[in-house]
Amino acid sequence: MKNNSEQYKKEVLDIIYKIAKDKNLLESFMQDILTPKEYDNVGVRWQIVKKLAKGEKHEYIASDLKLGVATVTRGSREMRNKDGGFQKVLKFLKLK
């Protein structure tokens, strides 16, 4: 499976791109391809990113979202990449 993992990820991204305008279809696909816990975690991770972008402190975010500080710190590390996906999406959405 490792030999084809990049191809598999690209295929999933292509599918998401193609169905993105149909929110019901996208939601159904995401719920089926991810476990319920993974689907919940995607939403929580995005909340961490938005709160970090606003400049909220790690301890406050952890408390507010009922997470460990280490979970917030992991998101913070990704936010440091100025050319990373989080930064690009925040800018695209005009959240930063």
C-alpha atoms as a PDB file:
ATOM      1  CA  MET A   1       0.000   0.000   0.000  1.00  0.00           C
ATOM      2  CA  LYS A   2       2.853   2.408   0.738  1.00  0.00           C
ATOM      3  CA  ASN A   3       4.004   2.186  -2.861  1.00  0.00           C
ATOM      4  CA  ASN A   4       0.761   3.714  -4.063  1.00  0.00           C
ATOM      5  CA  SER A   5      -0.115   5.961  -1.109  1.00  0.00           C
ATOM      6  CA  GLU A   6       0.678   9.205  -2.966  1.00  0.00           C
ATOM      7  CA  GLN A   7      -1.492   8.092  -5.868  1.00  0.00           C
ATOM      8  CA  TYR A   8      -4.293   7.162  -3.460  1.00  0.00           C
ATOM      9  CA  LYS A   9      -4.139  10.535  -1.694  1.00  0.00           C
ATOM     10  CA  LYS A  10      -4.194  12.352  -5.027  1.00  0.00           C
ATOM     11  CA  GLU A  11      -7.232  10.354  -6.088  1.00  0.00           C
ATOM     12  CA  VAL A  12      -9.109  11.283  -2.895  1.00  0.00           C
ATOM     13  CA  LEU A  13      -8.178  14.959  -3.337  1.00  0.00           C
ATOM     14  CA  ASP A  14      -9.413  14.823  -6.923  1.00  0.00           C
ATOM     15  CA  ILE A  15     -12.710  13.357  -5.739  1.00  0.00           C
ATOM     16  CA  ILE A  16     -13.104  16.046  -3.077  1.00  0.00           C
ATOM     17  CA  TYR A  17     -12.372  18.722  -5.650  1.00  0.00           C
ATOM     18  CA  LYS A  18     -14.972  17.305  -8.043  1.00  0.00           C
ATOM     19  CA  ILE A  19     -17.753  16.985  -5.463  1.00  0.00           C
ATOM     20  CA  ALA A  20     -16.957  20.065  -3.347  1.00  0.00           C
ATOM     21  CA  LYS A  21     -19.816  22.150  -4.747  1.00  0.00           C
ATOM     22  CA  ASP A  22     -22.366  19.596  -3.582  1.00  0.00           C
ATOM     23  CA  LYS A  23     -22.167  19.997   0.201  1.00  0.00           C
ATOM     24  CA  ASN A  24     -24.512  17.079   0.914  1.00  0.00           C
ATOM     25  CA  LEU A  25     -22.496  14.714  -1.259  1.00  0.00           C
ATOM     26  CA  LEU A  26     -19.227  15.984   0.236  1.00  0.00           C
ATOM     27  CA  GLU A  27     -20.536  15.544   3.767  1.00  0.00           C
ATOM     28  CA  SER A  28     -21.723  11.993   3.017  1.00  0.00           C
ATOM     29  CA  PHE A  29     -18.374  11.127   1.447  1.00  0.00           C
ATOM     30  CA  MET A  30     -16.391  12.552   4.381  1.00  0.00           C
ATOM     31  CA  GLN A  31     -18.564  10.735   6.923  1.00  0.00           C
ATOM     32  CA  ASP A  32     -18.060   7.459   5.084  1.00  0.00           C
ATOM     33  CA  ILE A  33     -14.346   7.741   4.358  1.00  0.00           C
ATOM     34  CA  LEU A  34     -13.439   8.881   7.893  1.00  0.00           C
ATOM     35  CA  THR A  35     -14.313   7.266  11.178  1.00  0.00           C
ATOM     36  CA  PRO A  36     -16.669   9.327  13.370  1.00  0.00           C
ATOM     37  CA  LYS A  37     -13.694  10.228  15.593  1.00  0.00           C
ATOM     38  CA  GLU A  38     -11.557  11.304  12.618  1.00  0.00           C
ATOM     39  CA  TYR A  39     -14.425  13.415  11.270  1.00  0.00           C
ATOM     40  CA  ASP A  40     -14.825  15.102  14.676  1.00  0.00           C
ATOM     41  CA  ASN A  41     -11.072  15.676  14.890  1.00  0.00           C
ATOM     42  CA  VAL A  42     -11.004  17.479  11.532  1.00  0.00           C
ATOM     43  CA  GLY A  43     -13.496  20.013  12.838  1.00  0.00           C
ATOM     44  CA  VAL A  44     -11.670  20.475  16.126  1.00  0.00           C
ATOM     45  CA  ARG A  45      -8.308  20.899  14.386  1.00  0.00           C
ATOM     46  CA  TRP A  46      -9.788  23.660  12.247  1.00  0.00           C
ATOM     47  CA  GLN A  47     -11.105  25.417  15.365  1.00  0.00           C
ATOM     48  CA  ILE A  48      -7.589  25.274  16.831  1.00  0.00           C
ATOM     49  CA  VAL A  49      -6.169  26.863  13.674  1.00  0.00           C
ATOM     50  CA  LYS A  50      -8.734  29.677  13.674  1.00  0.00           C
ATOM     51  CA  LYS A  51      -8.135  30.433  17.352  1.00  0.00           C
ATOM     52  CA  LEU A  52      -4.356  30.410  16.877  1.00  0.00           C
ATOM     53  CA  ALA A  53      -4.746  32.790  13.926  1.00  0.00           C
ATOM     54  CA  LYS A  54      -6.646  35.179  16.217  1.00  0.00           C
ATOM     55  CA  GLY A  55      -3.706  35.083  18.625  1.00  0.00           C
ATOM     56  CA  GLU A  56      -5.444  33.177  21.401  1.00  0.00           C
ATOM     57  CA  LYS A  57      -3.126  31.547  23.931  1.00  0.00           C
ATOM     58  CA  HIS A  58      -2.573  27.790  23.863  1.00  0.00           C
ATOM     59  CA  GLU A  59      -3.882  27.288  27.402  1.00  0.00           C
ATOM     60  CA  TYR A  60      -7.099  29.182  26.642  1.00  0.00           C
ATOM     61  CA  ILE A  61      -7.681  27.219  23.419  1.00  0.00           C
ATOM     62  CA  ALA A  62      -7.051  23.918  25.195  1.00  0.00           C
ATOM     63  CA  SER A  63      -9.472  24.827  27.964  1.00  0.00           C
ATOM     64  CA  ASP A  64     -12.116  26.198  25.606  1.00  0.00           C
ATOM     65  CA  LEU A  65     -12.049  23.149  23.322  1.00  0.00           C
ATOM     66  CA  LYS A  66     -11.453  20.670  26.175  1.00  0.00           C
ATOM     67  CA  LEU A  67      -8.145  19.476  24.742  1.00  0.00           C
ATOM     68  CA  GLY A  68      -4.644  18.951  25.988  1.00  0.00           C
ATOM     69  CA  VAL A  69      -2.177  21.764  25.437  1.00  0.00           C
ATOM     70  CA  ALA A  70      -0.022  19.341  23.416  1.00  0.00           C
ATOM     71  CA  THR A  71      -2.827  19.016  20.848  1.00  0.00           C
ATOM     72  CA  VAL A  72      -2.929  22.791  20.438  1.00  0.00           C
ATOM     73  CA  THR A  73       0.866  22.944  20.243  1.00  0.00           C
ATOM     74  CA  ARG A  74       0.841  20.457  17.355  1.00  0.00           C
ATOM     75  CA  GLY A  75      -1.459  22.795  15.430  1.00  0.00           C
ATOM     76  CA  SER A  76       0.733  25.717  16.359  1.00  0.00           C
ATOM     77  CA  ARG A  77       3.779  24.025  14.838  1.00  0.00           C
ATOM     78  CA  GLU A  78       1.931  23.681  11.544  1.00  0.00           C
ATOM     79  CA  MET A  79       0.906  27.340  11.698  1.00  0.00           C
ATOM     80  CA  ARG A  80       4.578  28.391  11.780  1.00  0.00           C
ATOM     81  CA  ASN A  81       4.948  27.280   8.164  1.00  0.00           C
ATOM     82  CA  LYS A  82       4.154  30.554   6.382  1.00  0.00           C
ATOM     83  CA  ASP A  83       3.781  28.681   3.079  1.00  0.00           C
ATOM     84  CA  GLY A  84       1.694  25.859   4.563  1.00  0.00           C
ATOM     85  CA  GLY A  85      -1.883  24.958   3.842  1.00  0.00           C
ATOM     86  CA  PHE A  86      -3.285  26.473   7.026  1.00  0.00           C
ATOM     87  CA  GLN A  87      -1.785  29.877   6.244  1.00  0.00           C
ATOM     88  CA  LYS A  88      -2.943  29.722   2.632  1.00  0.00           C
ATOM     89  CA  VAL A  89      -6.509  28.787   3.581  1.00  0.00           C
ATOM     90  CA  LEU A  90      -6.721  31.444   6.301  1.00  0.00           C
ATOM     91  CA  LYS A  91      -5.603  34.042   3.771  1.00  0.00           C
ATOM     92  CA  PHE A  92      -7.978  32.698   1.095  1.00  0.00           C
ATOM     93  CA  LEU A  93     -10.888  32.847   3.546  1.00  0.00           C
ATOM     94  CA  LYS A  94      -9.726  36.278   4.727  1.00  0.00           C
ATOM     95  CA  LEU A  95      -9.437  35.018   8.302  1.00  0.00           C
ATOM     96  CA  LYS A  96      -5.918  36.377   8.588  1.00  0.00           C
END
